[in-house]
Amino acid sequence: MNHPVLAVTLLGFWLLLSGHYTPLLLSLGVISVFLVIWLVKQLDRVDDQPIYLSSLPRLTSYLVWLFGQVVKANIDVSRRILNPKLPIQPVWQPLEIQLDSDLQKTLYASSVTLTPDTFTTHIEDGRLLVHALWPESIEDLRKGEMQQRVRHTGI
């Protein structure tokens, strides 16, 4: 990871959000940025999977898409709760995934869990155990759009 670029980006973001430029707050901001950079270096050394700033736009795009999926799933869950004629048939099934890194697998499992109609209960050897409130949710995951989008983030 390009740590100086990350430091400048974090400091600029901190200054933009802070809006206060007293010596005390500026020094606390600089100390915070150095602490974050130090932590990032330690994590990069431990997991040997650095995240590059070049993947930030793709990750942001994915998070925007995921937010839309969460909203759609919330609407679907609400409709099913309010209309007893719509089925709720809980299922628990394994889901095969083909992602490159542990970070991608974690992002995918977390994304599944963030949508209100599904959650991941176990990850092992390229397979997730997923609980869903209805079988269509598992079928949507099997189509692979979310998995493709996670892979495309580049993390």
N, C-alpha and C. Protein backbone atom coordinates (compact mmCIF):
# COMPACT_ATOMS: atom_id res chain seq x y z
N MET A 1 0.85 -1.18 0.00
CA MET A 1 0.00 0.00 0.00
C MET A 1 0.89 1.23 0.00
N ASN A 2 0.44 2.24 -0.65
CA ASN A 2 1.18 3.49 -0.71
C ASN A 2 0.81 4.31 0.53
N HIS A 3 1.58 4.16 1.58
CA HIS A 3 1.25 4.77 2.86
C HIS A 3 1.27 6.30 2.86
N PRO A 4 2.20 6.96 2.18
CA PRO A 4 2.14 8.42 2.15
C PRO A 4 0.86 8.95 1.49
N VAL A 5 0.44 8.30 0.42
CA VAL A 5 -0.80 8.72 -0.25
C VAL A 5 -1.98 8.51 0.69
N LEU A 6 -1.99 7.38 1.40
CA LEU A 6 -3.06 7.11 2.37
C LEU A 6 -3.04 8.16 3.47
N ALA A 7 -1.87 8.53 3.95
CA ALA A 7 -1.76 9.54 5.02
C ALA A 7 -2.33 10.87 4.56
N VAL A 8 -1.95 11.30 3.36
CA VAL A 8 -2.45 12.58 2.84
C VAL A 8 -3.97 12.52 2.65
N THR A 9 -4.46 11.40 2.13
CA THR A 9 -5.90 11.23 1.93
C THR A 9 -6.65 11.28 3.25
N LEU A 10 -6.16 10.56 4.25
CA LEU A 10 -6.81 10.56 5.56
C LEU A 10 -6.77 11.94 6.21
N LEU A 11 -5.63 12.60 6.11
CA LEU A 11 -5.51 13.92 6.71
C LEU A 11 -6.45 14.91 6.02
N GLY A 12 -6.50 14.86 4.70
CA GLY A 12 -7.41 15.74 3.97
C GLY A 12 -8.86 15.47 4.32
N PHE A 13 -9.22 14.20 4.43
CA PHE A 13 -10.58 13.83 4.80
C PHE A 13 -10.90 14.31 6.21
N TRP A 14 -9.95 14.14 7.11
CA TRP A 14 -10.13 14.58 8.49
C TRP A 14 -10.33 16.09 8.55
N LEU A 15 -9.51 16.83 7.82
CA LEU A 15 -9.63 18.28 7.80
C LEU A 15 -10.97 18.72 7.21
N LEU A 16 -11.40 18.06 6.17
CA LEU A 16 -12.67 18.38 5.54
C LEU A 16 -13.84 18.17 6.51
N LEU A 17 -13.82 17.07 7.24
CA LEU A 17 -14.91 16.78 8.16
C LEU A 17 -14.82 17.59 9.45
N SER A 18 -13.63 17.92 9.88
CA SER A 18 -13.45 18.60 11.16
C SER A 18 -13.95 20.04 11.11
N GLY A 19 -13.41 20.81 10.22
CA GLY A 19 -13.80 22.21 10.14
C GLY A 19 -13.20 23.08 11.23
N HIS A 20 -12.39 22.51 12.11
CA HIS A 20 -11.74 23.26 13.18
C HIS A 20 -10.22 23.15 12.97
N TYR A 21 -9.56 24.29 13.01
CA TYR A 21 -8.14 24.30 12.67
C TYR A 21 -7.29 24.90 13.77
N THR A 22 -7.60 24.58 15.00
CA THR A 22 -6.78 25.03 16.12
C THR A 22 -5.56 24.12 16.23
N PRO A 23 -4.48 24.62 16.80
CA PRO A 23 -3.27 23.79 16.91
C PRO A 23 -3.51 22.45 17.62
N LEU A 24 -4.30 22.46 18.67
CA LEU A 24 -4.57 21.21 19.39
C LEU A 24 -5.28 20.20 18.49
N LEU A 25 -6.34 20.63 17.81
CA LEU A 25 -7.09 19.69 16.98
C LEU A 25 -6.28 19.23 15.76
N LEU A 26 -5.49 20.14 15.19
CA LEU A 26 -4.63 19.75 14.07
C LEU A 26 -3.61 18.70 14.51
N SER A 27 -3.01 18.91 15.68
CA SER A 27 -2.02 17.93 16.15
C SER A 27 -2.69 16.60 16.48
N LEU A 28 -3.89 16.62 17.05
CA LEU A 28 -4.60 15.36 17.31
C LEU A 28 -4.96 14.65 16.00
N GLY A 29 -5.30 15.41 14.99
CA GLY A 29 -5.59 14.82 13.68
C GLY A 29 -4.36 14.15 13.08
N VAL A 30 -3.22 14.83 13.16
CA VAL A 30 -1.98 14.26 12.64
C VAL A 30 -1.60 12.99 13.42
N ILE A 31 -1.73 13.05 14.75
CA ILE A 31 -1.43 11.86 15.56
C ILE A 31 -2.36 10.71 15.19
N SER A 32 -3.64 11.01 14.97
CA SER A 32 -4.60 9.97 14.59
C SER A 32 -4.23 9.33 13.25
N VAL A 33 -3.84 10.17 12.29
CA VAL A 33 -3.44 9.65 10.97
C VAL A 33 -2.21 8.76 11.11
N PHE A 34 -1.22 9.20 11.88
CA PHE A 34 -0.02 8.36 12.06
C PHE A 34 -0.36 7.04 12.75
N LEU A 35 -1.28 7.07 13.70
CA LEU A 35 -1.69 5.84 14.37
C LEU A 35 -2.38 4.88 13.38
N VAL A 36 -3.23 5.42 12.53
CA VAL A 36 -3.91 4.59 11.53
C VAL A 36 -2.89 4.01 10.55
N ILE A 37 -1.95 4.81 10.10
CA ILE A 37 -0.93 4.33 9.16
C ILE A 37 -0.11 3.22 9.82
N TRP A 38 0.27 3.41 11.07
CA TRP A 38 1.02 2.38 11.79
C TRP A 38 0.20 1.09 11.87
N LEU A 39 -1.09 1.19 12.20
CA LEU A 39 -1.95 -0.01 12.27
C LEU A 39 -2.07 -0.69 10.91
N VAL A 40 -2.22 0.09 9.86
CA VAL A 40 -2.32 -0.47 8.51
C VAL A 40 -1.04 -1.22 8.15
N LYS A 41 0.12 -0.65 8.48
CA LYS A 41 1.38 -1.33 8.22
C LYS A 41 1.47 -2.65 8.97
N GLN A 42 1.04 -2.64 10.23
CA GLN A 42 1.06 -3.88 11.02
C GLN A 42 0.14 -4.93 10.41
N LEU A 43 -1.05 -4.51 10.01
CA LEU A 43 -2.00 -5.46 9.42
C LEU A 43 -1.50 -5.99 8.07
N ASP A 44 -0.89 -5.12 7.27
CA ASP A 44 -0.33 -5.56 5.99
C ASP A 44 0.76 -6.60 6.20
N ARG A 45 1.56 -6.42 7.24
CA ARG A 45 2.63 -7.37 7.52
C ARG A 45 2.07 -8.71 7.98
N VAL A 46 0.99 -8.68 8.77
CA VAL A 46 0.43 -9.90 9.33
C VAL A 46 -0.32 -10.72 8.28
N ASP A 47 -1.22 -10.08 7.53
CA ASP A 47 -2.06 -10.87 6.61
C ASP A 47 -1.51 -10.92 5.20
N ASP A 48 -0.52 -10.12 4.89
CA ASP A 48 0.12 -10.11 3.57
C ASP A 48 -0.89 -9.92 2.44
N GLN A 49 -1.97 -9.18 2.73
CA GLN A 49 -2.97 -8.87 1.71
C GLN A 49 -3.28 -7.38 1.78
N PRO A 50 -2.36 -6.54 1.31
CA PRO A 50 -2.61 -5.09 1.40
C PRO A 50 -3.78 -4.68 0.51
N ILE A 51 -4.46 -3.63 0.94
CA ILE A 51 -5.54 -3.05 0.14
C ILE A 51 -4.98 -1.80 -0.51
N TYR A 52 -5.16 -1.68 -1.80
CA TYR A 52 -4.63 -0.55 -2.53
C TYR A 52 -5.71 0.49 -2.74
N LEU A 53 -5.31 1.76 -2.71
CA LEU A 53 -6.27 2.84 -2.90
C LEU A 53 -6.91 2.80 -4.28
N SER A 54 -6.27 2.15 -5.23
CA SER A 54 -6.85 2.08 -6.57
C SER A 54 -8.14 1.28 -6.58
N SER A 55 -8.36 0.41 -5.59
CA SER A 55 -9.59 -0.36 -5.54
C SER A 55 -10.71 0.39 -4.82
N LEU A 56 -10.41 1.56 -4.26
CA LEU A 56 -11.41 2.32 -3.51
C LEU A 56 -12.64 2.70 -4.34
N PRO A 57 -12.50 3.20 -5.58
CA PRO A 57 -13.71 3.52 -6.36
C PRO A 57 -14.59 2.28 -6.63
N ARG A 58 -13.96 1.13 -6.90
CA ARG A 58 -14.75 -0.08 -7.14
C ARG A 58 -15.42 -0.57 -5.87
N LEU A 59 -14.73 -0.45 -4.75
CA LEU A 59 -15.32 -0.83 -3.47
C LEU A 59 -16.49 0.09 -3.13
N THR A 60 -16.32 1.39 -3.38
CA THR A 60 -17.40 2.34 -3.14
C THR A 60 -18.60 2.03 -4.02
N SER A 61 -18.35 1.72 -5.27
CA SER A 61 -19.43 1.34 -6.19
C SER A 61 -20.16 0.10 -5.68
N TYR A 62 -19.40 -0.87 -5.19
CA TYR A 62 -20.02 -2.08 -4.65
C TYR A 62 -20.88 -1.77 -3.43
N LEU A 63 -20.39 -0.92 -2.54
CA LEU A 63 -21.14 -0.58 -1.34
C LEU A 63 -22.43 0.16 -1.68
N VAL A 64 -22.41 1.00 -2.71
CA VAL A 64 -23.63 1.67 -3.16
C VAL A 64 -24.62 0.64 -3.68
N TRP A 65 -24.14 -0.30 -4.50
CA TRP A 65 -25.00 -1.38 -5.00
C TRP A 65 -25.56 -2.20 -3.85
N LEU A 66 -24.71 -2.54 -2.87
CA LEU A 66 -25.15 -3.33 -1.73
C LEU A 66 -26.23 -2.59 -0.94
N PHE A 67 -26.07 -1.29 -0.78
CA PHE A 67 -27.09 -0.51 -0.08
C PHE A 67 -28.43 -0.64 -0.79
N GLY A 68 -28.43 -0.59 -2.12
CA GLY A 68 -29.67 -0.79 -2.88
C GLY A 68 -30.26 -2.17 -2.65
N GLN A 69 -29.41 -3.18 -2.58
CA GLN A 69 -29.90 -4.55 -2.32
C GLN A 69 -30.50 -4.67 -0.92
N VAL A 70 -29.89 -4.01 0.04
CA VAL A 70 -30.42 -4.03 1.40
C VAL A 70 -31.79 -3.36 1.46
N VAL A 71 -31.94 -2.24 0.75
CA VAL A 71 -33.23 -1.55 0.71
C VAL A 71 -34.28 -2.44 0.07
N LYS A 72 -33.95 -3.07 -1.07
CA LYS A 72 -34.91 -3.95 -1.74
C LYS A 72 -35.30 -5.13 -0.85
N ALA A 73 -34.34 -5.72 -0.16
CA ALA A 73 -34.63 -6.85 0.72
C ALA A 73 -35.49 -6.41 1.91
N ASN A 74 -35.24 -5.21 2.43
CA ASN A 74 -36.07 -4.69 3.52
C ASN A 74 -37.52 -4.53 3.07
N ILE A 75 -37.71 -4.02 1.89
CA ILE A 75 -39.07 -3.86 1.36
C ILE A 75 -39.73 -5.22 1.20
N ASP A 76 -39.00 -6.21 0.69
CA ASP A 76 -39.55 -7.55 0.51
C ASP A 76 -39.92 -8.18 1.85
N VAL A 77 -39.05 -8.05 2.84
CA VAL A 77 -39.34 -8.61 4.16
C VAL A 77 -40.58 -7.92 4.75
N SER A 78 -40.66 -6.61 4.61
CA SER A 78 -41.81 -5.88 5.14
C SER A 78 -43.10 -6.33 4.46
N ARG A 79 -43.07 -6.49 3.15
CA ARG A 79 -44.26 -6.97 2.43
C ARG A 79 -44.70 -8.33 2.93
N ARG A 80 -43.75 -9.22 3.15
CA ARG A 80 -44.09 -10.56 3.61
C ARG A 80 -44.61 -10.58 5.04
N ILE A 81 -44.14 -9.67 5.84
CA ILE A 81 -44.64 -9.60 7.22
C ILE A 81 -46.06 -9.02 7.23
N LEU A 82 -46.28 -8.00 6.42
CA LEU A 82 -47.59 -7.34 6.42
C LEU A 82 -48.67 -8.12 5.67
N ASN A 83 -48.26 -8.98 4.76
CA ASN A 83 -49.23 -9.77 4.00
C ASN A 83 -49.02 -11.25 4.31
N PRO A 84 -49.87 -11.83 5.16
CA PRO A 84 -49.67 -13.22 5.57
C PRO A 84 -49.80 -14.23 4.42
N LYS A 85 -50.34 -13.82 3.27
CA LYS A 85 -50.48 -14.73 2.13
C LYS A 85 -49.14 -14.96 1.43
N LEU A 86 -48.21 -14.04 1.61
CA LEU A 86 -46.89 -14.22 1.01
C LEU A 86 -46.09 -15.19 1.87
N PRO A 87 -45.45 -16.16 1.25
CA PRO A 87 -44.80 -17.22 2.04
C PRO A 87 -43.49 -16.80 2.70
N ILE A 88 -43.31 -17.29 3.89
CA ILE A 88 -42.01 -17.25 4.57
C ILE A 88 -41.67 -18.70 4.85
N GLN A 89 -40.68 -19.23 4.12
CA GLN A 89 -40.28 -20.63 4.23
C GLN A 89 -38.77 -20.68 4.50
N PRO A 90 -38.39 -20.62 5.76
CA PRO A 90 -36.95 -20.59 6.06
C PRO A 90 -36.21 -21.81 5.51
N VAL A 91 -35.04 -21.56 4.95
CA VAL A 91 -34.18 -22.62 4.43
C VAL A 91 -32.77 -22.37 4.93
N TRP A 92 -32.01 -23.45 5.00
CA TRP A 92 -30.63 -23.40 5.44
C TRP A 92 -29.84 -24.26 4.48
N GLN A 93 -29.02 -23.66 3.64
CA GLN A 93 -28.34 -24.42 2.59
C GLN A 93 -26.90 -23.98 2.43
N PRO A 94 -26.05 -24.90 1.97
CA PRO A 94 -24.67 -24.51 1.65
C PRO A 94 -24.64 -23.75 0.33
N LEU A 95 -23.70 -22.85 0.23
CA LEU A 95 -23.54 -22.04 -0.96
C LEU A 95 -22.06 -22.05 -1.35
N GLU A 96 -21.78 -22.58 -2.53
CA GLU A 96 -20.40 -22.63 -3.02
C GLU A 96 -19.98 -21.24 -3.48
N ILE A 97 -18.77 -20.84 -3.10
CA ILE A 97 -18.23 -19.55 -3.55
C ILE A 97 -16.86 -19.77 -4.17
N GLN A 98 -16.52 -18.90 -5.09
CA GLN A 98 -15.22 -18.97 -5.74
C GLN A 98 -14.60 -17.57 -5.72
N LEU A 99 -14.04 -17.23 -4.57
CA LEU A 99 -13.41 -15.94 -4.39
C LEU A 99 -11.93 -16.15 -4.09
N ASP A 100 -11.13 -15.15 -4.42
CA ASP A 100 -9.67 -15.31 -4.37
C ASP A 100 -9.07 -15.18 -2.97
N SER A 101 -9.50 -14.19 -2.23
CA SER A 101 -8.82 -13.91 -0.95
C SER A 101 -9.77 -14.09 0.22
N ASP A 102 -9.18 -14.19 1.39
CA ASP A 102 -9.99 -14.26 2.60
C ASP A 102 -10.78 -12.98 2.80
N LEU A 103 -10.21 -11.85 2.39
CA LEU A 103 -10.90 -10.58 2.52
C LEU A 103 -12.15 -10.55 1.64
N GLN A 104 -12.05 -11.08 0.43
CA GLN A 104 -13.23 -11.15 -0.44
C GLN A 104 -14.29 -12.07 0.15
N LYS A 105 -13.86 -13.20 0.69
CA LYS A 105 -14.82 -14.13 1.31
C LYS A 105 -15.52 -13.47 2.49
N THR A 106 -14.76 -12.73 3.27
CA THR A 106 -15.34 -12.04 4.43
C THR A 106 -16.32 -10.96 3.98
N LEU A 107 -15.95 -10.19 2.95
CA LEU A 107 -16.84 -9.16 2.44
C LEU A 107 -18.12 -9.79 1.91
N TYR A 108 -18.00 -10.90 1.20
CA TYR A 108 -19.18 -11.57 0.65
C TYR A 108 -20.08 -12.09 1.76
N ALA A 109 -19.50 -12.78 2.74
CA ALA A 109 -20.30 -13.32 3.85
C ALA A 109 -20.96 -12.20 4.63
N SER A 110 -20.26 -11.11 4.84
CA SER A 110 -20.84 -9.96 5.55
C SER A 110 -21.96 -9.33 4.74
N SER A 111 -21.78 -9.27 3.43
CA SER A 111 -22.82 -8.70 2.57
C SER A 111 -24.08 -9.55 2.60
N VAL A 112 -23.91 -10.87 2.59
CA VAL A 112 -25.06 -11.77 2.69
C VAL A 112 -25.78 -11.53 4.00
N THR A 113 -25.03 -11.36 5.06
CA THR A 113 -25.62 -11.16 6.39
C THR A 113 -26.28 -9.79 6.51
N LEU A 114 -25.77 -8.79 5.82
CA LEU A 114 -26.36 -7.45 5.89
C LEU A 114 -27.75 -7.38 5.26
N THR A 115 -28.00 -8.19 4.26
CA THR A 115 -29.33 -8.18 3.67
C THR A 115 -30.28 -8.87 4.64
N PRO A 116 -31.44 -8.27 4.92
CA PRO A 116 -32.26 -8.75 6.03
C PRO A 116 -32.93 -10.11 5.83
N ASP A 117 -32.93 -10.65 4.64
CA ASP A 117 -33.59 -11.94 4.45
C ASP A 117 -32.61 -13.12 4.47
N THR A 118 -31.31 -12.85 4.61
CA THR A 118 -30.31 -13.92 4.63
C THR A 118 -29.24 -13.63 5.67
N PHE A 119 -28.58 -14.68 6.13
CA PHE A 119 -27.38 -14.48 6.93
C PHE A 119 -26.48 -15.70 6.83
N THR A 120 -25.20 -15.45 6.97
CA THR A 120 -24.18 -16.49 6.88
C THR A 120 -23.90 -17.01 8.28
N THR A 121 -23.91 -18.33 8.42
CA THR A 121 -23.65 -18.91 9.74
C THR A 121 -22.30 -19.60 9.83
N HIS A 122 -21.71 -19.94 8.67
CA HIS A 122 -20.45 -20.67 8.72
C HIS A 122 -19.72 -20.51 7.39
N ILE A 123 -18.41 -20.34 7.45
CA ILE A 123 -17.56 -20.26 6.25
C ILE A 123 -16.49 -21.33 6.38
N GLU A 124 -16.37 -22.17 5.34
CA GLU A 124 -15.32 -23.18 5.37
C GLU A 124 -15.03 -23.68 3.96
N ASP A 125 -13.76 -23.69 3.59
CA ASP A 125 -13.29 -24.27 2.33
C ASP A 125 -14.12 -23.84 1.12
N GLY A 126 -14.30 -22.55 0.94
CA GLY A 126 -15.01 -22.07 -0.23
C GLY A 126 -16.50 -22.34 -0.21
N ARG A 127 -17.03 -22.51 0.96
CA ARG A 127 -18.46 -22.78 1.08
C ARG A 127 -19.02 -22.02 2.28
N LEU A 128 -20.18 -21.42 2.08
CA LEU A 128 -20.88 -20.73 3.15
C LEU A 128 -22.11 -21.54 3.51
N LEU A 129 -22.48 -21.49 4.76
CA LEU A 129 -23.76 -22.03 5.18
C LEU A 129 -24.66 -20.82 5.39
N VAL A 130 -25.74 -20.74 4.58
CA VAL A 130 -26.58 -19.55 4.55
C VAL A 130 -27.99 -19.91 4.99
N HIS A 131 -28.54 -19.08 5.86
CA HIS A 131 -29.95 -19.19 6.25
C HIS A 131 -30.71 -18.10 5.52
N ALA A 132 -31.85 -18.46 4.96
CA ALA A 132 -32.67 -17.47 4.26
C ALA A 132 -34.12 -17.65 4.68
N LEU A 133 -34.88 -16.58 4.60
CA LEU A 133 -36.29 -16.64 4.97
C LEU A 133 -37.17 -17.27 3.90
N TRP A 134 -36.66 -17.37 2.69
CA TRP A 134 -37.37 -18.05 1.60
C TRP A 134 -36.36 -18.53 0.57
N PRO A 135 -36.69 -19.61 -0.14
CA PRO A 135 -35.73 -20.23 -1.08
C PRO A 135 -35.27 -19.31 -2.20
N GLU A 136 -36.08 -18.35 -2.62
CA GLU A 136 -35.69 -17.46 -3.71
C GLU A 136 -34.42 -16.67 -3.39
N SER A 137 -34.23 -16.37 -2.12
CA SER A 137 -33.03 -15.62 -1.73
C SER A 137 -31.77 -16.44 -1.98
N ILE A 138 -31.82 -17.73 -1.67
CA ILE A 138 -30.67 -18.60 -1.94
C ILE A 138 -30.43 -18.70 -3.45
N GLU A 139 -31.50 -18.82 -4.21
CA GLU A 139 -31.36 -18.91 -5.67
C GLU A 139 -30.76 -17.64 -6.24
N ASP A 140 -31.15 -16.49 -5.70
CA ASP A 140 -30.55 -15.23 -6.14
C ASP A 140 -29.05 -15.21 -5.86
N LEU A 141 -28.65 -15.71 -4.70
CA LEU A 141 -27.22 -15.78 -4.39
C LEU A 141 -26.50 -16.76 -5.31
N ARG A 142 -27.14 -17.84 -5.66
CA ARG A 142 -26.52 -18.83 -6.56
C ARG A 142 -26.31 -18.30 -7.96
N LYS A 143 -27.11 -17.32 -8.36
CA LYS A 143 -26.92 -16.71 -9.68
C LYS A 143 -25.57 -16.02 -9.77
N GLY A 144 -25.06 -15.54 -8.63
CA GLY A 144 -23.68 -15.08 -8.57
C GLY A 144 -23.42 -13.60 -8.79
N GLU A 145 -24.46 -12.78 -8.87
CA GLU A 145 -24.20 -11.36 -9.12
C GLU A 145 -23.40 -10.73 -7.98
N MET A 146 -23.79 -11.03 -6.74
CA MET A 146 -23.07 -10.46 -5.60
C MET A 146 -21.62 -10.95 -5.58
N GLN A 147 -21.42 -12.21 -5.87
CA GLN A 147 -20.08 -12.77 -5.87
C GLN A 147 -19.21 -12.11 -6.95
N GLN A 148 -19.78 -11.89 -8.12
CA GLN A 148 -19.05 -11.22 -9.20
C GLN A 148 -18.68 -9.80 -8.81
N ARG A 149 -19.61 -9.12 -8.18
CA ARG A 149 -19.34 -7.74 -7.77
C ARG A 149 -18.26 -7.67 -6.69
N VAL A 150 -18.27 -8.63 -5.76
CA VAL A 150 -17.21 -8.68 -4.74
C VAL A 150 -15.88 -8.94 -5.40
N ARG A 151 -15.83 -9.87 -6.35
CA ARG A 151 -14.59 -10.17 -7.06
C ARG A 151 -14.08 -8.94 -7.81
N HIS A 152 -15.01 -8.17 -8.37
CA HIS A 152 -14.64 -7.00 -9.17
C HIS A 152 -14.11 -5.84 -8.30
N THR A 153 -14.35 -5.87 -6.98
CA THR A 153 -13.85 -4.78 -6.14
C THR A 153 -12.33 -4.70 -6.14
N GLY A 154 -11.67 -5.82 -6.40
CA GLY A 154 -10.22 -5.81 -6.47
C GLY A 154 -9.53 -5.86 -5.12
N ILE A 155 -10.28 -6.09 -4.07
CA ILE A 155 -9.64 -6.16 -2.75
C ILE A 155 -9.13 -7.55 -2.49
